[in-house]
Amino acid sequence: MKKILKISASALLISLVFGLAVISSYFNSNYNPRTILYERETTVSKHYPLSHKKAIESSRQSAVKIVSVSMDSLYLSFSSGTYFTAFGRYFVVTVHHGLQGPCSLTQIYHNGHYYDCKQYVKIDPENDYAIIEVGRLPDRQPIEIPKDMPKRNQWKQAYSILNEIVYTGYPNSIGPLTLKGHVIGYASRTYLYIFSYAYAGASGAGVFNKEGKYMGYIIAIDVGETEFGMDVLENVILVGPSFNIDWASTLDVPPLPNATTK
């Protein structure tokens, strides 16, 4: 009986060792799924057509987070933005209300690194946007202005009802996170509404259509009357159209030194 138990134990041990060797061999000779969390932040589901995938990738590759500090209260503000290039220089477009302090107290964040704001190029409180000049940002792919904006008849299609959109931002200061949605309406010909989701920190995120054209920037989520009183409607989002942005303001900016990594 003891001999049988010894043989059984030996067989079990051999089987266990063999099983561990097979598992180890599998993970050593095949792709380790854990690496997908670190290897490519632009990996997109195969369920989308090629043009739509490129739009999602463009959205993700140009997204940045803006951190701004108030001089008076040391209040720290987080918002999102889109990295773009125009006339051979590099900029970020974001919301005006996300800038709490001067350029010297505002930085651009991506992938664990902070980059300096060179100067505020354009501040527009009425349309709630700002253009910030930055240096070239490593691991970021800027959209090109005006190339990556709708052209001629594309404007009508881009803003048409139920047209699909995608945006990438830093809601609740985490991300970049990519969300999809649809155009659902307009507000006084100045803004448009999209049906998606957004939270504090997503303001300034660039909105793209499925062809990868930059349509505008997230300004705010809607607040409306519900059966429980006034409430925040996280799935109804107010967007500033990109045609309201004074892109030409980037043309006459005096040159400054390149931004530095901190």
C-alpha atoms as a PDB file:
ATOM      1  CA  MET A   1       0.000   0.000   0.000  1.00  0.00           C
ATOM      2  CA  LYS A   2       2.821   2.397   0.921  1.00  0.00           C
ATOM      3  CA  LYS A   3       4.542   1.551  -2.334  1.00  0.00           C
ATOM      4  CA  ILE A   4       1.374   2.377  -4.298  1.00  0.00           C
ATOM      5  CA  LEU A   5       1.047   5.717  -2.465  1.00  0.00           C
ATOM      6  CA  LYS A   6       4.677   6.566  -3.229  1.00  0.00           C
ATOM      7  CA  ILE A   7       4.156   5.778  -6.898  1.00  0.00           C
ATOM      8  CA  SER A   8       0.981   7.890  -6.990  1.00  0.00           C
ATOM      9  CA  ALA A   9       2.713  10.785  -5.241  1.00  0.00           C
ATOM     10  CA  SER A  10       5.649  10.569  -7.648  1.00  0.00           C
ATOM     11  CA  ALA A  11       3.302  10.514 -10.656  1.00  0.00           C
ATOM     12  CA  LEU A  12       1.419  13.541  -9.296  1.00  0.00           C
ATOM     13  CA  LEU A  13       4.661  15.444  -8.731  1.00  0.00           C
ATOM     14  CA  ILE A  14       5.873  14.635 -12.266  1.00  0.00           C
ATOM     15  CA  SER A  15       2.528  15.751 -13.717  1.00  0.00           C
ATOM     16  CA  LEU A  16       2.688  19.006 -11.733  1.00  0.00           C
ATOM     17  CA  VAL A  17       6.241  19.763 -12.862  1.00  0.00           C
ATOM     18  CA  PHE A  18       5.329  18.928 -16.454  1.00  0.00           C
ATOM     19  CA  GLY A  19       2.233  21.163 -16.272  1.00  0.00           C
ATOM     20  CA  LEU A  20       4.236  24.086 -14.907  1.00  0.00           C
ATOM     21  CA  ALA A  21       6.826  23.596 -17.632  1.00  0.00           C
ATOM     22  CA  VAL A  22       4.093  23.665 -20.303  1.00  0.00           C
ATOM     23  CA  ILE A  23       2.544  26.849 -18.856  1.00  0.00           C
ATOM     24  CA  SER A  24       5.946  28.522 -18.561  1.00  0.00           C
ATOM     25  CA  SER A  25       6.777  27.543 -22.117  1.00  0.00           C
ATOM     26  CA  TYR A  26       3.457  28.963 -23.340  1.00  0.00           C
ATOM     27  CA  PHE A  27       3.985  32.380 -21.772  1.00  0.00           C
ATOM     28  CA  ASN A  28       7.619  32.504 -22.840  1.00  0.00           C
ATOM     29  CA  SER A  29       6.883  31.596 -26.453  1.00  0.00           C
ATOM     30  CA  ASN A  30       3.617  33.510 -26.892  1.00  0.00           C
ATOM     31  CA  TYR A  31       2.466  37.074 -26.440  1.00  0.00           C
ATOM     32  CA  ASN A  32       1.946  37.952 -22.780  1.00  0.00           C
ATOM     33  CA  PRO A  33      -1.474  39.655 -22.511  1.00  0.00           C
ATOM     34  CA  ARG A  34      -0.287  41.841 -19.629  1.00  0.00           C
ATOM     35  CA  THR A  35       1.958  43.814 -21.961  1.00  0.00           C
ATOM     36  CA  ILE A  36      -1.050  45.253 -23.783  1.00  0.00           C
ATOM     37  CA  LEU A  37      -1.582  47.544 -20.782  1.00  0.00           C
ATOM     38  CA  TYR A  38       1.791  49.165 -21.372  1.00  0.00           C
ATOM     39  CA  GLU A  39       2.769  48.497 -24.977  1.00  0.00           C
ATOM     40  CA  ARG A  40       0.300  50.531 -27.048  1.00  0.00           C
ATOM     41  CA  GLU A  41      -2.212  53.014 -25.721  1.00  0.00           C
ATOM     42  CA  THR A  42      -3.666  53.311 -29.231  1.00  0.00           C
ATOM     43  CA  THR A  43      -4.773  49.687 -29.637  1.00  0.00           C
ATOM     44  CA  VAL A  44      -8.314  49.923 -31.011  1.00  0.00           C
ATOM     45  CA  SER A  45     -11.036  47.289 -31.252  1.00  0.00           C
ATOM     46  CA  LYS A  46     -11.107  45.443 -34.589  1.00  0.00           C
ATOM     47  CA  HIS A  47     -14.884  45.916 -34.776  1.00  0.00           C
ATOM     48  CA  TYR A  48     -14.457  49.388 -36.271  1.00  0.00           C
ATOM     49  CA  PRO A  49     -13.729  50.095 -39.960  1.00  0.00           C
ATOM     50  CA  LEU A  50     -10.223  51.304 -40.787  1.00  0.00           C
ATOM     51  CA  SER A  51     -11.158  54.987 -41.174  1.00  0.00           C
ATOM     52  CA  HIS A  52     -12.987  54.997 -37.834  1.00  0.00           C
ATOM     53  CA  LYS A  53     -10.038  53.290 -36.118  1.00  0.00           C
ATOM     54  CA  LYS A  54      -7.714  55.990 -37.453  1.00  0.00           C
ATOM     55  CA  ALA A  55     -10.019  58.653 -36.037  1.00  0.00           C
ATOM     56  CA  ILE A  56      -9.916  56.991 -32.614  1.00  0.00           C
ATOM     57  CA  GLU A  57      -6.126  56.707 -32.797  1.00  0.00           C
ATOM     58  CA  SER A  58      -5.818  60.369 -33.793  1.00  0.00           C
ATOM     59  CA  SER A  59      -8.013  61.325 -30.848  1.00  0.00           C
ATOM     60  CA  ARG A  60      -5.900  59.326 -28.402  1.00  0.00           C
ATOM     61  CA  GLN A  61      -2.519  60.327 -29.795  1.00  0.00           C
ATOM     62  CA  SER A  62      -3.270  64.055 -29.609  1.00  0.00           C
ATOM     63  CA  ALA A  63      -4.919  64.104 -26.161  1.00  0.00           C
ATOM     64  CA  VAL A  64      -3.137  65.798 -23.256  1.00  0.00           C
ATOM     65  CA  LYS A  65      -3.982  66.900 -19.728  1.00  0.00           C
ATOM     66  CA  ILE A  66      -3.586  70.498 -18.586  1.00  0.00           C
ATOM     67  CA  VAL A  67      -2.698  71.344 -14.997  1.00  0.00           C
ATOM     68  CA  SER A  68      -3.072  74.981 -13.920  1.00  0.00           C
ATOM     69  CA  VAL A  69      -2.520  76.602 -10.516  1.00  0.00           C
ATOM     70  CA  SER A  70      -4.133  79.793  -9.233  1.00  0.00           C
ATOM     71  CA  MET A  71      -1.691  82.379  -7.847  1.00  0.00           C
ATOM     72  CA  ASP A  72      -4.176  83.631  -5.245  1.00  0.00           C
ATOM     73  CA  SER A  73      -5.611  80.473  -3.726  1.00  0.00           C
ATOM     74  CA  LEU A  74      -3.188  77.798  -4.985  1.00  0.00           C
ATOM     75  CA  TYR A  75      -6.275  76.086  -6.396  1.00  0.00           C
ATOM     76  CA  LEU A  76      -5.268  73.264  -8.766  1.00  0.00           C
ATOM     77  CA  SER A  77      -7.329  72.801 -11.924  1.00  0.00           C
ATOM     78  CA  PHE A  78      -7.277  69.795 -14.266  1.00  0.00           C
ATOM     79  CA  SER A  79      -8.634  69.879 -17.804  1.00  0.00           C
ATOM     80  CA  SER A  80      -8.094  68.174 -21.154  1.00  0.00           C
ATOM     81  CA  GLY A  81      -6.761  69.451 -24.452  1.00  0.00           C
ATOM     82  CA  THR A  82      -5.747  68.614 -28.006  1.00  0.00           C
ATOM     83  CA  TYR A  83      -2.157  68.866 -29.214  1.00  0.00           C
ATOM     84  CA  PHE A  84      -1.869  70.394 -32.683  1.00  0.00           C
ATOM     85  CA  THR A  85       0.641  71.853 -35.081  1.00  0.00           C
ATOM     86  CA  ALA A  86       0.239  74.886 -37.313  1.00  0.00           C
ATOM     87  CA  PHE A  87       2.731  76.930 -39.306  1.00  0.00           C
ATOM     88  CA  GLY A  88       5.591  74.717 -38.121  1.00  0.00           C
ATOM     89  CA  ARG A  89       4.970  75.202 -34.391  1.00  0.00           C
ATOM     90  CA  TYR A  90       3.172  73.266 -31.648  1.00  0.00           C
ATOM     91  CA  PHE A  91       0.156  74.214 -29.573  1.00  0.00           C
ATOM     92  CA  VAL A  92      -2.597  72.881 -27.335  1.00  0.00           C
ATOM     93  CA  VAL A  93      -6.213  73.999 -27.539  1.00  0.00           C
ATOM     94  CA  THR A  94      -8.254  73.684 -24.369  1.00  0.00           C
ATOM     95  CA  VAL A  95     -11.000  75.477 -22.423  1.00  0.00           C
ATOM     96  CA  HIS A  96     -10.449  78.933 -21.011  1.00  0.00           C
ATOM     97  CA  HIS A  97     -12.165  78.073 -17.719  1.00  0.00           C
ATOM     98  CA  GLY A  98      -9.514  75.400 -17.046  1.00  0.00           C
ATOM     99  CA  LEU A  99      -6.725  77.987 -16.810  1.00  0.00           C
ATOM    100  CA  GLN A 100      -6.548  79.212 -13.224  1.00  0.00           C
ATOM    101  CA  GLY A 101      -3.202  80.994 -13.356  1.00  0.00           C
ATOM    102  CA  PRO A 102      -0.571  82.444 -15.706  1.00  0.00           C
ATOM    103  CA  CYS A 103       1.396  80.435 -18.245  1.00  0.00           C
ATOM    104  CA  SER A 104       4.245  80.012 -15.744  1.00  0.00           C
ATOM    105  CA  LEU A 105       1.862  78.084 -13.455  1.00  0.00           C
ATOM    106  CA  THR A 106       0.331  75.989 -16.220  1.00  0.00           C
ATOM    107  CA  GLN A 107       1.792  72.732 -17.513  1.00  0.00           C
ATOM    108  CA  ILE A 108       0.924  70.044 -20.020  1.00  0.00           C
ATOM    109  CA  TYR A 109       0.936  66.469 -18.771  1.00  0.00           C
ATOM    110  CA  HIS A 110       1.254  63.170 -20.598  1.00  0.00           C
ATOM    111  CA  ASN A 111       2.577  59.741 -19.701  1.00  0.00           C
ATOM    112  CA  GLY A 112       4.129  60.726 -16.390  1.00  0.00           C
ATOM    113  CA  HIS A 113       5.875  63.875 -17.649  1.00  0.00           C
ATOM    114  CA  TYR A 114       5.106  67.579 -17.370  1.00  0.00           C
ATOM    115  CA  TYR A 115       5.899  70.070 -20.118  1.00  0.00           C
ATOM    116  CA  ASP A 116       6.065  73.849 -19.857  1.00  0.00           C
ATOM    117  CA  CYS A 117       3.575  76.290 -21.250  1.00  0.00           C
ATOM    118  CA  LYS A 118       5.564  78.685 -23.447  1.00  0.00           C
ATOM    119  CA  GLN A 119       2.888  81.342 -23.728  1.00  0.00           C
ATOM    120  CA  TYR A 120      -0.825  81.902 -23.977  1.00  0.00           C
ATOM    121  CA  VAL A 121      -1.447  82.612 -27.646  1.00  0.00           C
ATOM    122  CA  LYS A 122      -5.193  83.233 -27.537  1.00  0.00           C
ATOM    123  CA  ILE A 123      -7.656  83.546 -24.664  1.00  0.00           C
ATOM    124  CA  ASP A 124     -11.342  83.709 -25.611  1.00  0.00           C
ATOM    125  CA  PRO A 125     -13.661  83.810 -22.570  1.00  0.00           C
ATOM    126  CA  GLU A 126     -16.780  84.254 -24.741  1.00  0.00           C
ATOM    127  CA  ASN A 127     -16.269  81.009 -26.691  1.00  0.00           C
ATOM    128  CA  ASP A 128     -14.463  79.458 -23.702  1.00  0.00           C
ATOM    129  CA  TYR A 129     -11.259  78.299 -25.358  1.00  0.00           C
ATOM    130  CA  ALA A 130      -7.538  78.983 -25.097  1.00  0.00           C
ATOM    131  CA  ILE A 131      -4.559  78.249 -27.321  1.00  0.00           C
ATOM    132  CA  ILE A 132      -1.285  77.480 -25.554  1.00  0.00           C
ATOM    133  CA  GLU A 133       2.071  77.292 -27.295  1.00  0.00           C
ATOM    134  CA  VAL A 134       4.214  74.324 -26.238  1.00  0.00           C
ATOM    135  CA  GLY A 135       7.334  72.582 -27.482  1.00  0.00           C
ATOM    136  CA  ARG A 136       7.262  69.293 -29.340  1.00  0.00           C
ATOM    137  CA  LEU A 137       5.833  66.635 -27.024  1.00  0.00           C
ATOM    138  CA  PRO A 138       7.430  63.167 -27.103  1.00  0.00           C
ATOM    139  CA  ASP A 139       5.041  60.242 -27.720  1.00  0.00           C
ATOM    140  CA  ARG A 140       2.308  62.630 -28.915  1.00  0.00           C
ATOM    141  CA  GLN A 141       1.111  62.965 -32.490  1.00  0.00           C
ATOM    142  CA  PRO A 142      -0.357  66.414 -33.174  1.00  0.00           C
ATOM    143  CA  ILE A 143      -3.296  66.949 -35.447  1.00  0.00           C
ATOM    144  CA  GLU A 144      -2.587  69.358 -38.294  1.00  0.00           C
ATOM    145  CA  ILE A 145      -4.501  72.591 -38.689  1.00  0.00           C
ATOM    146  CA  PRO A 146      -6.260  73.155 -41.068  1.00  0.00           C
ATOM    147  CA  LYS A 147      -5.675  69.726 -42.666  1.00  0.00           C
ATOM    148  CA  ASP A 148      -7.477  67.778 -39.905  1.00  0.00           C
ATOM    149  CA  MET A 149     -10.578  69.959 -39.853  1.00  0.00           C
ATOM    150  CA  PRO A 150     -13.704  69.482 -41.993  1.00  0.00           C
ATOM    151  CA  LYS A 151     -13.562  71.036 -45.449  1.00  0.00           C
ATOM    152  CA  ARG A 152     -16.342  72.522 -47.603  1.00  0.00           C
ATOM    153  CA  ASN A 153     -19.261  70.055 -47.622  1.00  0.00           C
ATOM    154  CA  GLN A 154     -17.689  68.045 -44.794  1.00  0.00           C
ATOM    155  CA  TRP A 155     -18.817  70.685 -42.286  1.00  0.00           C
ATOM    156  CA  LYS A 156     -22.490  69.903 -42.883  1.00  0.00           C
ATOM    157  CA  GLN A 157     -21.920  66.169 -42.492  1.00  0.00           C
ATOM    158  CA  ALA A 158     -19.701  66.568 -39.424  1.00  0.00           C
ATOM    159  CA  TYR A 159     -22.374  68.458 -37.488  1.00  0.00           C
ATOM    160  CA  SER A 160     -25.386  66.507 -38.773  1.00  0.00           C
ATOM    161  CA  ILE A 161     -27.819  64.998 -36.267  1.00  0.00           C
ATOM    162  CA  LEU A 162     -26.787  61.555 -34.949  1.00  0.00           C
ATOM    163  CA  ASN A 163     -23.398  61.747 -36.634  1.00  0.00           C
ATOM    164  CA  GLU A 164     -20.945  59.595 -34.665  1.00  0.00           C
ATOM    165  CA  ILE A 165     -18.198  61.267 -32.663  1.00  0.00           C
ATOM    166  CA  VAL A 166     -15.295  60.211 -30.461  1.00  0.00           C
ATOM    167  CA  TYR A 167     -13.311  62.103 -27.858  1.00  0.00           C
ATOM    168  CA  THR A 168     -10.386  61.389 -25.554  1.00  0.00           C
ATOM    169  CA  GLY A 169      -9.893  63.245 -22.295  1.00  0.00           C
ATOM    170  CA  TYR A 170      -9.074  63.070 -18.613  1.00  0.00           C
ATOM    171  CA  PRO A 171     -12.401  62.903 -16.755  1.00  0.00           C
ATOM    172  CA  ASN A 172     -11.899  62.945 -12.980  1.00  0.00           C
ATOM    173  CA  SER A 173      -8.207  63.515 -13.816  1.00  0.00           C
ATOM    174  CA  ILE A 174      -7.716  59.927 -14.974  1.00  0.00           C
ATOM    175  CA  GLY A 175      -6.939  58.718 -18.449  1.00  0.00           C
ATOM    176  CA  PRO A 176      -6.561  59.217 -21.240  1.00  0.00           C
ATOM    177  CA  LEU A 177     -10.033  57.695 -21.617  1.00  0.00           C
ATOM    178  CA  THR A 178     -11.802  57.447 -24.986  1.00  0.00           C
ATOM    179  CA  LEU A 179     -15.580  57.707 -25.309  1.00  0.00           C
ATOM    180  CA  LYS A 180     -17.957  57.690 -28.250  1.00  0.00           C
ATOM    181  CA  GLY A 181     -21.263  59.432 -28.847  1.00  0.00           C
ATOM    182  CA  HIS A 182     -23.562  61.220 -31.290  1.00  0.00           C
ATOM    183  CA  VAL A 183     -24.533  64.748 -32.219  1.00  0.00           C
ATOM    184  CA  ILE A 184     -28.042  65.319 -30.824  1.00  0.00           C
ATOM    185  CA  GLY A 185     -28.777  69.025 -31.233  1.00  0.00           C
ATOM    186  CA  TYR A 186     -27.699  72.650 -31.151  1.00  0.00           C
ATOM    187  CA  ALA A 187     -27.762  75.605 -28.768  1.00  0.00           C
ATOM    188  CA  SER A 188     -28.415  79.013 -30.319  1.00  0.00           C
ATOM    189  CA  ARG A 189     -26.222  78.240 -33.356  1.00  0.00           C
ATOM    190  CA  THR A 190     -23.176  78.730 -31.124  1.00  0.00           C
ATOM    191  CA  TYR A 191     -22.746  75.303 -29.567  1.00  0.00           C
ATOM    192  CA  LEU A 192     -23.790  71.755 -30.258  1.00  0.00           C
ATOM    193  CA  TYR A 193     -24.973  68.993 -27.964  1.00  0.00           C
ATOM    194  CA  ILE A 194     -23.595  65.483 -28.078  1.00  0.00           C
ATOM    195  CA  PHE A 195     -24.881  62.385 -26.324  1.00  0.00           C
ATOM    196  CA  SER A 196     -21.972  60.734 -24.533  1.00  0.00           C
ATOM    197  CA  TYR A 197     -20.555  60.931 -21.010  1.00  0.00           C
ATOM    198  CA  ALA A 198     -18.275  63.503 -19.410  1.00  0.00           C
ATOM    199  CA  TYR A 199     -17.174  64.439 -15.925  1.00  0.00           C
ATOM    200  CA  ALA A 200     -15.033  67.137 -14.331  1.00  0.00           C
ATOM    201  CA  GLY A 201     -11.649  67.190 -16.060  1.00  0.00           C
ATOM    202  CA  ALA A 202     -12.995  66.281 -19.522  1.00  0.00           C
ATOM    203  CA  SER A 203     -13.489  69.951 -20.421  1.00  0.00           C
ATOM    204  CA  GLY A 204     -11.273  70.916 -23.347  1.00  0.00           C
ATOM    205  CA  ALA A 205     -11.089  67.414 -24.839  1.00  0.00           C
ATOM    206  CA  GLY A 206     -11.118  67.397 -28.631  1.00  0.00           C
ATOM    207  CA  VAL A 207     -14.199  65.998 -30.367  1.00  0.00           C
ATOM    208  CA  PHE A 208     -13.601  64.150 -33.658  1.00  0.00           C
ATOM    209  CA  ASN A 209     -15.993  62.674 -36.184  1.00  0.00           C
ATOM    210  CA  LYS A 210     -15.467  59.130 -37.444  1.00  0.00           C
ATOM    211  CA  GLU A 211     -13.416  60.453 -40.370  1.00  0.00           C
ATOM    212  CA  GLY A 212     -10.921  61.907 -37.890  1.00  0.00           C
ATOM    213  CA  LYS A 213     -11.815  65.573 -38.422  1.00  0.00           C
ATOM    214  CA  TYR A 214     -11.511  67.865 -35.411  1.00  0.00           C
ATOM    215  CA  MET A 215     -15.053  69.166 -34.781  1.00  0.00           C
ATOM    216  CA  GLY A 216     -14.675  71.029 -31.523  1.00  0.00           C
ATOM    217  CA  TYR A 217     -13.933  70.863 -27.809  1.00  0.00           C
ATOM    218  CA  ILE A 218     -15.950  69.839 -24.771  1.00  0.00           C
ATOM    219  CA  ILE A 219     -17.045  72.811 -22.684  1.00  0.00           C
ATOM    220  CA  ALA A 220     -19.411  71.433 -20.052  1.00  0.00           C
ATOM    221  CA  ILE A 221     -22.031  68.892 -19.142  1.00  0.00           C
ATOM    222  CA  ASP A 222     -25.626  70.004 -19.077  1.00  0.00           C
ATOM    223  CA  VAL A 223     -27.577  70.852 -15.935  1.00  0.00           C
ATOM    224  CA  GLY A 224     -31.345  70.509 -16.151  1.00  0.00           C
ATOM    225  CA  GLU A 225     -34.584  70.071 -14.289  1.00  0.00           C
ATOM    226  CA  THR A 226     -35.448  66.470 -13.350  1.00  0.00           C
ATOM    227  CA  GLU A 227     -38.122  64.860 -11.190  1.00  0.00           C
ATOM    228  CA  PHE A 228     -35.671  65.233  -8.302  1.00  0.00           C
ATOM    229  CA  GLY A 229     -34.994  68.923  -8.971  1.00  0.00           C
ATOM    230  CA  MET A 230     -31.970  70.446 -10.710  1.00  0.00           C
ATOM    231  CA  ASP A 231     -29.420  67.776 -11.574  1.00  0.00           C
ATOM    232  CA  VAL A 232     -26.281  67.249 -13.620  1.00  0.00           C
ATOM    233  CA  LEU A 233     -26.860  65.379 -16.874  1.00  0.00           C
ATOM    234  CA  GLU A 234     -23.519  63.672 -17.489  1.00  0.00           C
ATOM    235  CA  ASN A 235     -24.688  62.228 -20.813  1.00  0.00           C
ATOM    236  CA  VAL A 236     -25.615  65.551 -22.463  1.00  0.00           C
ATOM    237  CA  ILE A 237     -22.492  67.530 -23.322  1.00  0.00           C
ATOM    238  CA  LEU A 238     -22.015  71.048 -24.630  1.00  0.00           C
ATOM    239  CA  VAL A 239     -19.358  71.329 -27.367  1.00  0.00           C
ATOM    240  CA  GLY A 240     -17.724  74.422 -28.848  1.00  0.00           C
ATOM    241  CA  PRO A 241     -17.406  74.121 -32.652  1.00  0.00           C
ATOM    242  CA  SER A 242     -13.877  74.237 -34.040  1.00  0.00           C
ATOM    243  CA  PHE A 243     -14.815  76.940 -36.558  1.00  0.00           C
ATOM    244  CA  ASN A 244     -15.142  79.411 -33.661  1.00  0.00           C
ATOM    245  CA  ILE A 245     -11.446  79.043 -32.845  1.00  0.00           C
ATOM    246  CA  ASP A 246      -9.131  81.757 -34.134  1.00  0.00           C
ATOM    247  CA  TRP A 247      -6.524  79.436 -35.631  1.00  0.00           C
ATOM    248  CA  ALA A 248      -4.858  82.355 -37.447  1.00  0.00           C
ATOM    249  CA  SER A 249      -3.717  83.688 -34.057  1.00  0.00           C
ATOM    250  CA  THR A 250      -0.950  81.065 -34.146  1.00  0.00           C
ATOM    251  CA  LEU A 251       0.550  82.666 -37.267  1.00  0.00           C
ATOM    252  CA  ASP A 252       1.868  85.893 -35.723  1.00  0.00           C
ATOM    253  CA  VAL A 253       3.214  84.459 -32.462  1.00  0.00           C
ATOM    254  CA  PRO A 254       6.799  85.606 -31.792  1.00  0.00           C
ATOM    255  CA  PRO A 255       9.213  82.660 -31.456  1.00  0.00           C
ATOM    256  CA  LEU A 256      10.214  81.530 -27.963  1.00  0.00           C
ATOM    257  CA  PRO A 257      12.608  78.808 -26.672  1.00  0.00           C
ATOM    258  CA  ASN A 258      11.419  75.202 -26.841  1.00  0.00           C
ATOM    259  CA  ALA A 259       9.515  73.748 -23.903  1.00  0.00           C
ATOM    260  CA  THR A 260      11.485  71.642 -21.461  1.00  0.00           C
ATOM    261  CA  THR A 261      10.596  68.397 -19.704  1.00  0.00           C
ATOM    262  CA  LYS A 262      10.335  68.492 -15.936  1.00  0.00           C
END
